[in-house]
N, C-alpha and C. Protein backbone atom coordinates (compact mmCIF):
# COMPACT_ATOMS: atom_id res chain seq x y z
N UNK A 1 30.20 47.30 -33.23
CA UNK A 1 30.65 47.67 -34.55
C UNK A 1 31.05 49.16 -34.55
N UNK A 2 32.11 49.55 -35.28
CA UNK A 2 32.52 50.96 -35.26
C UNK A 2 31.54 51.85 -36.01
N UNK A 3 31.66 53.13 -35.73
CA UNK A 3 30.81 54.11 -36.41
C UNK A 3 31.19 54.19 -37.88
N UNK A 4 30.23 54.60 -38.71
CA UNK A 4 30.51 54.84 -40.13
C UNK A 4 31.19 56.19 -40.25
N UNK A 5 32.21 56.28 -41.09
CA UNK A 5 32.90 57.54 -41.31
C UNK A 5 32.23 58.29 -42.46
N UNK A 6 32.15 59.61 -42.33
CA UNK A 6 31.64 60.45 -43.41
C UNK A 6 32.71 60.57 -44.47
N UNK A 7 32.27 60.72 -45.71
CA UNK A 7 33.21 60.98 -46.80
C UNK A 7 33.61 62.44 -46.75
N UNK A 8 34.90 62.70 -46.66
CA UNK A 8 35.38 64.09 -46.57
C UNK A 8 35.02 64.90 -47.79
N UNK A 9 35.06 64.27 -48.96
CA UNK A 9 34.73 65.00 -50.18
C UNK A 9 33.24 65.36 -50.20
N UNK A 10 32.39 64.47 -49.69
CA UNK A 10 30.96 64.75 -49.66
C UNK A 10 30.64 65.86 -48.67
N UNK A 11 31.36 65.89 -47.53
CA UNK A 11 31.12 66.94 -46.54
C UNK A 11 31.38 68.32 -47.14
N UNK A 12 32.39 68.40 -48.03
CA UNK A 12 32.73 69.69 -48.63
C UNK A 12 31.74 70.09 -49.73
N UNK A 13 31.11 69.11 -50.37
CA UNK A 13 30.32 69.40 -51.56
C UNK A 13 28.82 69.52 -51.32
N UNK A 14 28.29 68.88 -50.29
CA UNK A 14 26.85 68.82 -50.11
C UNK A 14 26.44 69.41 -48.77
N UNK A 15 25.17 69.89 -48.74
CA UNK A 15 24.62 70.48 -47.52
C UNK A 15 23.16 70.07 -47.44
N UNK A 16 22.69 69.79 -46.23
CA UNK A 16 21.30 69.40 -46.05
C UNK A 16 20.41 70.63 -45.89
N UNK A 17 19.21 70.55 -46.44
CA UNK A 17 18.23 71.61 -46.24
C UNK A 17 17.42 71.28 -44.99
N UNK A 18 16.56 72.18 -44.60
CA UNK A 18 15.74 71.95 -43.42
C UNK A 18 14.80 70.78 -43.56
N UNK A 19 14.34 70.54 -44.80
CA UNK A 19 13.40 69.44 -45.03
C UNK A 19 14.10 68.12 -45.29
N UNK A 20 15.43 68.11 -45.27
CA UNK A 20 16.15 66.86 -45.43
C UNK A 20 16.64 66.58 -46.83
N UNK A 21 16.37 67.47 -47.78
CA UNK A 21 16.91 67.31 -49.14
C UNK A 21 18.39 67.70 -49.13
N UNK A 22 19.08 67.43 -50.22
CA UNK A 22 20.52 67.69 -50.29
C UNK A 22 20.79 68.75 -51.36
N UNK A 23 21.50 69.82 -50.94
CA UNK A 23 21.85 70.91 -51.85
C UNK A 23 23.23 70.66 -52.44
N UNK A 24 23.45 71.14 -53.67
CA UNK A 24 24.75 71.06 -54.30
C UNK A 24 24.99 72.32 -55.13
N UNK A 25 26.25 72.56 -55.45
CA UNK A 25 26.59 73.66 -56.35
C UNK A 25 26.52 73.16 -57.78
N UNK A 26 26.41 74.09 -58.72
CA UNK A 26 26.36 73.72 -60.13
C UNK A 26 27.77 73.59 -60.69
N UNK A 27 27.93 72.73 -61.67
CA UNK A 27 29.23 72.51 -62.30
C UNK A 27 29.48 73.59 -63.35
N UNK A 28 30.68 73.60 -63.93
CA UNK A 28 31.09 74.48 -65.04
C UNK A 28 31.20 75.95 -64.64
N UNK A 29 31.54 76.23 -63.39
CA UNK A 29 31.67 77.62 -62.98
C UNK A 29 33.04 77.90 -62.37
N UNK A 30 34.05 77.07 -62.71
CA UNK A 30 35.34 77.23 -62.05
C UNK A 30 36.40 77.86 -62.95
N UNK A 31 36.41 77.57 -64.24
CA UNK A 31 37.42 78.16 -65.12
C UNK A 31 36.89 78.22 -66.54
N UNK A 32 37.67 78.86 -67.42
CA UNK A 32 37.28 79.15 -68.81
C UNK A 32 35.92 79.86 -68.83
N UNK A 33 35.86 80.96 -68.10
CA UNK A 33 34.59 81.68 -67.97
C UNK A 33 34.43 82.76 -69.04
N UNK A 34 35.49 83.06 -69.80
CA UNK A 34 35.41 84.17 -70.76
C UNK A 34 34.46 83.86 -71.90
N UNK A 35 34.38 82.60 -72.30
CA UNK A 35 33.52 82.25 -73.43
C UNK A 35 32.07 82.01 -73.02
N UNK A 36 31.79 82.02 -71.72
CA UNK A 36 30.43 81.79 -71.25
C UNK A 36 29.72 83.12 -71.07
N UNK A 37 28.44 83.15 -71.42
CA UNK A 37 27.68 84.40 -71.33
C UNK A 37 27.41 84.77 -69.88
N UNK A 38 27.13 86.05 -69.65
CA UNK A 38 26.83 86.54 -68.30
C UNK A 38 25.64 85.81 -67.71
N UNK A 39 24.62 85.59 -68.54
CA UNK A 39 23.40 84.91 -68.07
C UNK A 39 23.73 83.50 -67.60
N UNK A 40 24.56 82.80 -68.38
CA UNK A 40 24.93 81.43 -68.02
C UNK A 40 25.72 81.40 -66.72
N UNK A 41 26.68 82.32 -66.58
CA UNK A 41 27.50 82.37 -65.36
C UNK A 41 26.65 82.74 -64.15
N UNK A 42 25.71 83.65 -64.34
CA UNK A 42 24.84 84.08 -63.24
C UNK A 42 23.98 82.91 -62.77
N UNK A 43 23.46 82.12 -63.73
CA UNK A 43 22.63 80.97 -63.36
C UNK A 43 23.44 79.86 -62.72
N UNK A 44 24.72 79.78 -63.03
CA UNK A 44 25.58 78.75 -62.42
C UNK A 44 25.91 79.09 -60.97
N UNK A 45 25.75 80.35 -60.58
CA UNK A 45 26.05 80.76 -59.21
C UNK A 45 25.12 80.13 -58.19
N UNK A 46 23.87 79.91 -58.58
CA UNK A 46 22.88 79.45 -57.61
C UNK A 46 23.06 77.96 -57.31
N UNK A 47 22.56 77.53 -56.17
CA UNK A 47 22.60 76.12 -55.81
C UNK A 47 21.33 75.44 -56.29
N UNK A 48 21.37 74.13 -56.31
CA UNK A 48 20.20 73.35 -56.71
C UNK A 48 20.15 72.08 -55.86
N UNK A 49 19.07 71.35 -55.96
CA UNK A 49 18.93 70.11 -55.20
C UNK A 49 19.42 68.94 -56.05
N UNK A 50 19.99 67.93 -55.40
CA UNK A 50 20.40 66.76 -56.17
C UNK A 50 19.16 65.94 -56.52
N UNK A 51 19.29 65.09 -57.50
CA UNK A 51 18.18 64.27 -57.96
C UNK A 51 17.75 63.30 -56.85
N UNK A 52 16.48 62.99 -56.82
CA UNK A 52 15.93 62.10 -55.78
C UNK A 52 16.59 60.72 -55.80
N UNK A 53 16.95 60.22 -57.00
CA UNK A 53 17.55 58.89 -57.07
C UNK A 53 18.96 58.88 -56.47
N UNK A 54 19.64 60.03 -56.43
CA UNK A 54 20.99 60.10 -55.88
C UNK A 54 21.01 60.37 -54.39
N UNK A 55 19.88 60.78 -53.82
CA UNK A 55 19.85 61.17 -52.41
C UNK A 55 20.30 60.08 -51.45
N UNK A 56 19.81 58.83 -51.59
CA UNK A 56 20.26 57.80 -50.63
C UNK A 56 21.78 57.61 -50.66
N UNK A 57 22.37 57.65 -51.85
CA UNK A 57 23.81 57.46 -51.97
C UNK A 57 24.59 58.58 -51.28
N UNK A 58 24.14 59.83 -51.50
CA UNK A 58 24.83 60.97 -50.90
C UNK A 58 24.66 60.98 -49.39
N UNK A 59 23.47 60.64 -48.92
CA UNK A 59 23.23 60.61 -47.48
C UNK A 59 24.06 59.51 -46.82
N UNK A 60 24.28 58.40 -47.52
CA UNK A 60 25.14 57.34 -46.99
C UNK A 60 26.58 57.84 -46.93
N UNK A 61 27.00 58.63 -47.93
CA UNK A 61 28.34 59.20 -47.93
C UNK A 61 28.51 60.20 -46.78
N UNK A 62 27.43 60.87 -46.41
CA UNK A 62 27.46 61.82 -45.30
C UNK A 62 27.26 61.12 -43.97
N UNK A 63 27.07 59.82 -43.99
CA UNK A 63 26.86 58.98 -42.79
C UNK A 63 25.65 59.45 -41.99
N UNK A 64 24.53 59.62 -42.67
CA UNK A 64 23.28 60.03 -41.99
C UNK A 64 22.38 58.83 -41.79
């Protein structure tokens, strides 16, 4: 059987941590930033972990 292909979009969006969790960037930080407060924009800069229920799906997309 052939190898599973990774999803190109998932490769660009997600990264694995050392413990095997999946990191992602926060949404709402790409445009229309003038109406958003500095605090909100600063908090959107940081990365976060995806929800545990979504992890199997994302890992399958990454072909792990």
